[in-house]
Every structure is written in C-alpha cells, then in structure tokens.
Amino acid sequence: MADEPLQERIAARCLYLRTTLGTGGDLLNTCQHIVRDGMKCVGPFLDDAETDCGLWEYRPRLLPTVGQQTPR
C-alpha cells in the first residue's frame, strides 16, 4: 500500500527533513525534530543509501490520486 512506511530509512523521506536555500543559493538540509531543531540533517542524501539517524520517521507523500483535485 502507498501509505505504508518504506523499509529504507533514507533521509530524504524523513518527516523532519526541511530543505531550504541558503545564502549563495546552496541547499541546506536541516532537521525539524524537537531534539535537533534547526541543526544540519545527518543524511545521507544518496538515493540508495540509508541513514542511521535515530530520529528518522517516515513522511507520507500527499500526492493526489487519479480523479482527485489538488488542494489550493
């Protein structure tokens, strides 16, 4: 099922990851978990590499299914 957590613990799929642009246009990957709020995410950010962060939690994707309208 699409809403079930994936077996892989990839940082890019973490509920607490926030990616923003920093000064100079570089990407900043920060953690929004209460324990590490605002600190750099431990990563990694490779598609096939998992993170061992103990705070990792699956972020479900909110993609519309066929026939549904995207919220505005």
PDB file of N, CA and C in Angstrom:
ATOM      1  N   MET A   1       0.848  -1.181   0.000  1.00  0.00           N
ATOM      2  CA  MET A   1       0.000   0.000   0.000  1.00  0.00           C
ATOM      3  C   MET A   1       0.891   1.241   0.000  1.00  0.00           C
ATOM      4  N   ALA A   2       0.474   2.306  -0.665  1.00  0.00           N
ATOM      5  CA  ALA A   2       1.291   3.507  -0.833  1.00  0.00           C
ATOM      6  C   ALA A   2       1.498   4.275   0.473  1.00  0.00           C
ATOM      7  N   ASP A   3       0.591   4.154   1.438  1.00  0.00           N
ATOM      8  CA  ASP A   3       0.710   4.909   2.680  1.00  0.00           C
ATOM      9  C   ASP A   3       1.578   4.218   3.727  1.00  0.00           C
ATOM     10  N   GLU A   4       2.019   3.008   3.451  1.00  0.00           N
ATOM     11  CA  GLU A   4       2.830   2.284   4.414  1.00  0.00           C
ATOM     12  C   GLU A   4       4.278   2.741   4.345  1.00  0.00           C
ATOM     13  N   PRO A   5       4.961   2.795   5.514  1.00  0.00           N
ATOM     14  CA  PRO A   5       6.358   3.204   5.520  1.00  0.00           C
ATOM     15  C   PRO A   5       7.225   2.276   4.672  1.00  0.00           C
ATOM     16  N   LEU A   6       8.217   2.853   4.044  1.00  0.00           N
ATOM     17  CA  LEU A   6       9.160   2.065   3.264  1.00  0.00           C
ATOM     18  C   LEU A   6      10.137   1.386   4.201  1.00  0.00           C
ATOM     19  N   GLN A   7      10.743   0.302   3.759  1.00  0.00           N
ATOM     20  CA  GLN A   7      11.728  -0.388   4.565  1.00  0.00           C
ATOM     21  C   GLN A   7      13.007   0.441   4.688  1.00  0.00           C
ATOM     22  N   GLU A   8      13.312   1.224   3.656  1.00  0.00           N
ATOM     23  CA  GLU A   8      14.534   2.017   3.660  1.00  0.00           C
ATOM     24  C   GLU A   8      14.344   3.260   4.526  1.00  0.00           C
ATOM     25  N   ARG A   9      15.396   3.621   5.265  1.00  0.00           N
ATOM     26  CA  ARG A   9      15.353   4.809   6.123  1.00  0.00           C
ATOM     27  C   ARG A   9      16.216   5.898   5.487  1.00  0.00           C
ATOM     28  N   ILE A  10      15.761   6.435   4.371  1.00  0.00           N
ATOM     29  CA  ILE A  10      16.512   7.430   3.626  1.00  0.00           C
ATOM     30  C   ILE A  10      16.145   8.816   4.146  1.00  0.00           C
ATOM     31  N   ALA A  11      17.152   9.648   4.398  1.00  0.00           N
ATOM     32  CA  ALA A  11      16.919  10.969   4.990  1.00  0.00           C
ATOM     33  C   ALA A  11      15.926  11.784   4.179  1.00  0.00           C
ATOM     34  N   ALA A  12      15.982  11.690   2.869  1.00  0.00           N
ATOM     35  CA  ALA A  12      15.099  12.480   2.013  1.00  0.00           C
ATOM     36  C   ALA A  12      13.631  12.102   2.190  1.00  0.00           C
ATOM     37  N   ARG A  13      13.350  10.993   2.830  1.00  0.00           N
ATOM     38  CA  ARG A  13      11.968  10.558   3.075  1.00  0.00           C
ATOM     39  C   ARG A  13      11.567  10.739   4.539  1.00  0.00           C
ATOM     40  N   CYS A  14      12.359  11.522   5.276  1.00  0.00           N
ATOM     41  CA  CYS A  14      12.110  11.702   6.711  1.00  0.00           C
ATOM     42  C   CYS A  14      11.111  12.825   6.966  1.00  0.00           C
ATOM     43  N   LEU A  15      10.225  12.610   7.896  1.00  0.00           N
ATOM     44  CA  LEU A  15       9.215  13.585   8.285  1.00  0.00           C
ATOM     45  C   LEU A  15       9.835  14.900   8.744  1.00  0.00           C
ATOM     46  N   TYR A  16      10.993  14.843   9.369  1.00  0.00           N
ATOM     47  CA  TYR A  16      11.590  16.020   9.990  1.00  0.00           C
ATOM     48  C   TYR A  16      12.533  16.794   9.083  1.00  0.00           C
ATOM     49  N   LEU A  17      12.823  16.296   7.890  1.00  0.00           N
ATOM     50  CA  LEU A  17      13.744  16.975   6.986  1.00  0.00           C
ATOM     51  C   LEU A  17      13.105  18.218   6.381  1.00  0.00           C
ATOM     52  N   ARG A  18      13.840  19.315   6.418  1.00  0.00           N
ATOM     53  CA  ARG A  18      13.435  20.544   5.737  1.00  0.00           C
ATOM     54  C   ARG A  18      14.612  20.989   4.880  1.00  0.00           C
ATOM     55  N   THR A  19      14.368  21.139   3.586  1.00  0.00           N
ATOM     56  CA  THR A  19      15.396  21.581   2.654  1.00  0.00           C
ATOM     57  C   THR A  19      15.057  22.997   2.214  1.00  0.00           C
ATOM     58  N   THR A  20      16.001  23.910   2.401  1.00  0.00           N
ATOM     59  CA  THR A  20      15.802  25.305   2.030  1.00  0.00           C
ATOM     60  C   THR A  20      17.042  25.817   1.311  1.00  0.00           C
ATOM     61  N   LEU A  21      16.908  26.960   0.714  1.00  0.00           N
ATOM     62  CA  LEU A  21      18.052  27.602   0.065  1.00  0.00           C
ATOM     63  C   LEU A  21      18.756  28.508   1.072  1.00  0.00           C
ATOM     64  N   GLY A  22      20.070  28.374   1.114  1.00  0.00           N
ATOM     65  CA  GLY A  22      20.863  29.238   1.979  1.00  0.00           C
ATOM     66  C   GLY A  22      21.410  30.407   1.191  1.00  0.00           C
ATOM     67  N   THR A  23      22.224  31.201   1.847  1.00  0.00           N
ATOM     68  CA  THR A  23      22.854  32.310   1.150  1.00  0.00           C
ATOM     69  C   THR A  23      23.801  31.738   0.104  1.00  0.00           C
ATOM     70  N   GLY A  24      23.825  32.334  -1.047  1.00  0.00           N
ATOM     71  CA  GLY A  24      24.658  31.824  -2.135  1.00  0.00           C
ATOM     72  C   GLY A  24      23.952  30.781  -2.977  1.00  0.00           C
ATOM     73  N   GLY A  25      22.708  30.443  -2.642  1.00  0.00           N
ATOM     74  CA  GLY A  25      21.937  29.507  -3.444  1.00  0.00           C
ATOM     75  C   GLY A  25      22.202  28.040  -3.165  1.00  0.00           C
ATOM     76  N   ASP A  26      22.977  27.720  -2.113  1.00  0.00           N
ATOM     77  CA  ASP A  26      23.229  26.317  -1.799  1.00  0.00           C
ATOM     78  C   ASP A  26      22.076  25.754  -0.962  1.00  0.00           C
ATOM     79  N   LEU A  27      21.870  24.428  -1.060  1.00  0.00           N
ATOM     80  CA  LEU A  27      20.792  23.771  -0.319  1.00  0.00           C
ATOM     81  C   LEU A  27      21.213  23.503   1.120  1.00  0.00           C
ATOM     82  N   LEU A  28      20.305  23.780   2.045  1.00  0.00           N
ATOM     83  CA  LEU A  28      20.529  23.476   3.452  1.00  0.00           C
ATOM     84  C   LEU A  28      19.528  22.409   3.864  1.00  0.00           C
ATOM     85  N   ASN A  29      20.026  21.306   4.390  1.00  0.00           N
ATOM     86  CA  ASN A  29      19.168  20.221   4.865  1.00  0.00           C
ATOM     87  C   ASN A  29      19.184  20.264   6.382  1.00  0.00           C
ATOM     88  N   THR A  30      18.068  20.694   6.974  1.00  0.00           N
ATOM     89  CA  THR A  30      18.003  20.818   8.425  1.00  0.00           C
ATOM     90  C   THR A  30      16.945  19.898   9.001  1.00  0.00           C
ATOM     91  N   CYS A  31      17.144  19.553  10.258  1.00  0.00           N
ATOM     92  CA  CYS A  31      16.229  18.672  10.979  1.00  0.00           C
ATOM     93  C   CYS A  31      15.261  19.524  11.791  1.00  0.00           C
ATOM     94  N   GLN A  32      13.982  19.197  11.750  1.00  0.00           N
ATOM     95  CA  GLN A  32      12.965  19.937  12.485  1.00  0.00           C
ATOM     96  C   GLN A  32      12.455  19.169  13.705  1.00  0.00           C
ATOM     97  N   HIS A  33      13.098  18.035  14.031  1.00  0.00           N
ATOM     98  CA  HIS A  33      12.714  17.290  15.235  1.00  0.00           C
ATOM     99  C   HIS A  33      13.031  18.144  16.453  1.00  0.00           C
ATOM    100  N   ILE A  34      12.229  18.056  17.491  1.00  0.00           N
ATOM    101  CA  ILE A  34      12.403  18.891  18.683  1.00  0.00           C
ATOM    102  C   ILE A  34      13.795  18.738  19.304  1.00  0.00           C
ATOM    103  N   VAL A  35      14.411  17.576  19.163  1.00  0.00           N
ATOM    104  CA  VAL A  35      15.737  17.334  19.740  1.00  0.00           C
ATOM    105  C   VAL A  35      16.841  18.016  18.942  1.00  0.00           C
ATOM    106  N   ARG A  36      16.695  18.082  17.616  1.00  0.00           N
ATOM    107  CA  ARG A  36      17.740  18.637  16.746  1.00  0.00           C
ATOM    108  C   ARG A  36      17.260  19.847  15.960  1.00  0.00           C
ATOM    109  N   ASP A  37      16.236  20.532  16.404  1.00  0.00           N
ATOM    110  CA  ASP A  37      15.585  21.601  15.652  1.00  0.00           C
ATOM    111  C   ASP A  37      16.581  22.630  15.113  1.00  0.00           C
ATOM    112  N   GLY A  38      16.614  22.753  13.780  1.00  0.00           N
ATOM    113  CA  GLY A  38      17.471  23.717  13.115  1.00  0.00           C
ATOM    114  C   GLY A  38      18.889  23.239  12.840  1.00  0.00           C
ATOM    115  N   MET A  39      19.260  22.082  13.374  1.00  0.00           N
ATOM    116  CA  MET A  39      20.604  21.557  13.146  1.00  0.00           C
ATOM    117  C   MET A  39      20.673  20.851  11.803  1.00  0.00           C
ATOM    118  N   LYS A  40      21.874  20.704  11.271  1.00  0.00           N
ATOM    119  CA  LYS A  40      22.071  20.026   9.994  1.00  0.00           C
ATOM    120  C   LYS A  40      21.591  18.576  10.086  1.00  0.00           C
ATOM    121  N   CYS A  41      20.865  18.144   9.045  1.00  0.00           N
ATOM    122  CA  CYS A  41      20.411  16.751   8.982  1.00  0.00           C
ATOM    123  C   CYS A  41      21.616  15.841   8.813  1.00  0.00           C
ATOM    124  N   VAL A  42      21.580  14.692   9.468  1.00  0.00           N
ATOM    125  CA  VAL A  42      22.727  13.789   9.427  1.00  0.00           C
ATOM    126  C   VAL A  42      22.849  13.040   8.108  1.00  0.00           C
ATOM    127  N   GLY A  43      21.769  13.059   7.275  1.00  0.00           N
ATOM    128  CA  GLY A  43      21.844  12.420   5.947  1.00  0.00           C
ATOM    129  C   GLY A  43      21.966  10.913   6.052  1.00  0.00           C
ATOM    130  N   PRO A  44      22.456  10.251   5.053  1.00  0.00           N
ATOM    131  CA  PRO A  44      22.954  10.732   3.768  1.00  0.00           C
ATOM    132  C   PRO A  44      21.816  11.025   2.796  1.00  0.00           C
ATOM    133  N   PHE A  45      22.153  11.634   1.683  1.00  0.00           N
ATOM    134  CA  PHE A  45      21.152  12.030   0.719  1.00  0.00           C
ATOM    135  C   PHE A  45      21.290  11.305  -0.611  1.00  0.00           C
ATOM    136  N   LEU A  46      21.955  10.189  -0.615  1.00  0.00           N
ATOM    137  CA  LEU A  46      22.049   9.367  -1.824  1.00  0.00           C
ATOM    138  C   LEU A  46      20.802   8.510  -1.901  1.00  0.00           C
ATOM    139  N   ASP A  47      20.284   8.337  -3.110  1.00  0.00           N
ATOM    140  CA  ASP A  47      19.029   7.600  -3.289  1.00  0.00           C
ATOM    141  C   ASP A  47      19.076   6.168  -2.778  1.00  0.00           C
ATOM    142  N   ASP A  48      20.255   5.567  -2.773  1.00  0.00           N
ATOM    143  CA  ASP A  48      20.327   4.156  -2.390  1.00  0.00           C
ATOM    144  C   ASP A  48      21.041   3.945  -1.054  1.00  0.00           C
ATOM    145  N   ALA A  49      21.255   5.021  -0.297  1.00  0.00           N
ATOM    146  CA  ALA A  49      21.949   4.898   0.990  1.00  0.00           C
ATOM    147  C   ALA A  49      21.013   5.290   2.122  1.00  0.00           C
ATOM    148  N   GLU A  50      20.994   4.484   3.153  1.00  0.00           N
ATOM    149  CA  GLU A  50      20.119   4.745   4.286  1.00  0.00           C
ATOM    150  C   GLU A  50      20.836   5.554   5.355  1.00  0.00           C
ATOM    151  N   THR A  51      20.044   6.261   6.174  1.00  0.00           N
ATOM    152  CA  THR A  51      20.587   6.990   7.310  1.00  0.00           C
ATOM    153  C   THR A  51      20.379   6.171   8.578  1.00  0.00           C
ATOM    154  N   ASP A  52      21.294   6.339   9.518  1.00  0.00           N
ATOM    155  CA  ASP A  52      21.144   5.627  10.792  1.00  0.00           C
ATOM    156  C   ASP A  52      20.644   6.571  11.890  1.00  0.00           C
ATOM    157  N   CYS A  53      20.054   7.706  11.482  1.00  0.00           N
ATOM    158  CA  CYS A  53      19.537   8.670  12.447  1.00  0.00           C
ATOM    159  C   CYS A  53      18.438   8.022  13.288  1.00  0.00           C
ATOM    160  N   GLY A  54      18.560   8.116  14.582  1.00  0.00           N
ATOM    161  CA  GLY A  54      17.579   7.522  15.485  1.00  0.00           C
ATOM    162  C   GLY A  54      16.271   8.290  15.561  1.00  0.00           C
ATOM    163  N   LEU A  55      16.224   9.476  14.944  1.00  0.00           N
ATOM    164  CA  LEU A  55      15.011  10.291  14.969  1.00  0.00           C
ATOM    165  C   LEU A  55      14.198  10.153  13.694  1.00  0.00           C
ATOM    166  N   TRP A  56      14.693   9.360  12.751  1.00  0.00           N
ATOM    167  CA  TRP A  56      14.048   9.219  11.445  1.00  0.00           C
ATOM    168  C   TRP A  56      12.628   8.715  11.598  1.00  0.00           C
ATOM    169  N   GLU A  57      11.707   9.351  10.893  1.00  0.00           N
ATOM    170  CA  GLU A  57      10.315   8.914  10.868  1.00  0.00           C
ATOM    171  C   GLU A  57       9.786   9.121   9.453  1.00  0.00           C
ATOM    172  N   TYR A  58       9.066   8.155   8.954  1.00  0.00           N
ATOM    173  CA  TYR A  58       8.566   8.186   7.577  1.00  0.00           C
ATOM    174  C   TYR A  58       7.655   9.373   7.324  1.00  0.00           C
ATOM    175  N   ARG A  59       7.873  10.069   6.212  1.00  0.00           N
ATOM    176  CA  ARG A  59       6.998  11.160   5.782  1.00  0.00           C
ATOM    177  C   ARG A  59       6.132  10.644   4.644  1.00  0.00           C
ATOM    178  N   PRO A  60       4.842  10.484   4.875  1.00  0.00           N
ATOM    179  CA  PRO A  60       3.970  10.042   3.784  1.00  0.00           C
ATOM    180  C   PRO A  60       3.875  11.128   2.728  1.00  0.00           C
ATOM    181  N   ARG A  61       3.836  10.727   1.502  1.00  0.00           N
ATOM    182  CA  ARG A  61       3.690  11.667   0.392  1.00  0.00           C
ATOM    183  C   ARG A  61       2.212  11.942   0.189  1.00  0.00           C
ATOM    184  N   LEU A  62       1.880  13.197   0.026  1.00  0.00           N
ATOM    185  CA  LEU A  62       0.483  13.577  -0.166  1.00  0.00           C
ATOM    186  C   LEU A  62       0.246  13.890  -1.636  1.00  0.00           C
ATOM    187  N   LEU A  63       0.296  12.877  -2.451  1.00  0.00           N
ATOM    188  CA  LEU A  63       0.082  13.037  -3.881  1.00  0.00           C
ATOM    189  C   LEU A  63      -1.362  12.706  -4.218  1.00  0.00           C
ATOM    190  N   PRO A  64      -2.010  13.521  -5.027  1.00  0.00           N
ATOM    191  CA  PRO A  64      -3.399  13.221  -5.391  1.00  0.00           C
ATOM    192  C   PRO A  64      -3.470  11.968  -6.258  1.00  0.00           C
ATOM    193  N   THR A  65      -4.521  11.210  -6.062  1.00  0.00           N
ATOM    194  CA  THR A  65      -4.730  10.039  -6.903  1.00  0.00           C
ATOM    195  C   THR A  65      -5.550  10.455  -8.118  1.00  0.00           C
ATOM    196  N   VAL A  66      -5.650   9.586  -9.084  1.00  0.00           N
ATOM    197  CA  VAL A  66      -6.386   9.891 -10.306  1.00  0.00           C
ATOM    198  C   VAL A  66      -7.825  10.237  -9.950  1.00  0.00           C
ATOM    199  N   GLY A  67      -8.325  11.360 -10.488  1.00  0.00           N
ATOM    200  CA  GLY A  67      -9.698  11.761 -10.231  1.00  0.00           C
ATOM    201  C   GLY A  67      -9.852  12.749  -9.102  1.00  0.00           C
ATOM    202  N   GLN A  68      -8.804  12.933  -8.267  1.00  0.00           N
ATOM    203  CA  GLN A  68      -8.863  13.895  -7.176  1.00  0.00           C
ATOM    204  C   GLN A  68      -8.238  15.206  -7.621  1.00  0.00           C
ATOM    205  N   GLN A  69      -8.758  16.296  -7.092  1.00  0.00           N
ATOM    206  CA  GLN A  69      -8.188  17.590  -7.387  1.00  0.00           C
ATOM    207  C   GLN A  69      -7.121  17.928  -6.354  1.00  0.00           C
ATOM    208  N   THR A  70      -6.095  18.637  -6.804  1.00  0.00           N
ATOM    209  CA  THR A  70      -5.038  19.079  -5.894  1.00  0.00           C
ATOM    210  C   THR A  70      -5.550  20.249  -5.072  1.00  0.00           C
ATOM    211  N   PRO A  71      -5.365  20.203  -3.708  1.00  0.00           N
ATOM    212  CA  PRO A  71      -5.805  21.321  -2.865  1.00  0.00           C
ATOM    213  C   PRO A  71      -5.054  22.599  -3.227  1.00  0.00           C
ATOM    214  N   ARG A  72      -5.736  23.744  -3.106  1.00  0.00           N
ATOM    215  CA  ARG A  72      -5.108  25.027  -3.429  1.00  0.00           C
ATOM    216  C   ARG A  72      -4.917  25.863  -2.220  1.00  0.00           C
TER     217      ARG A  72
END
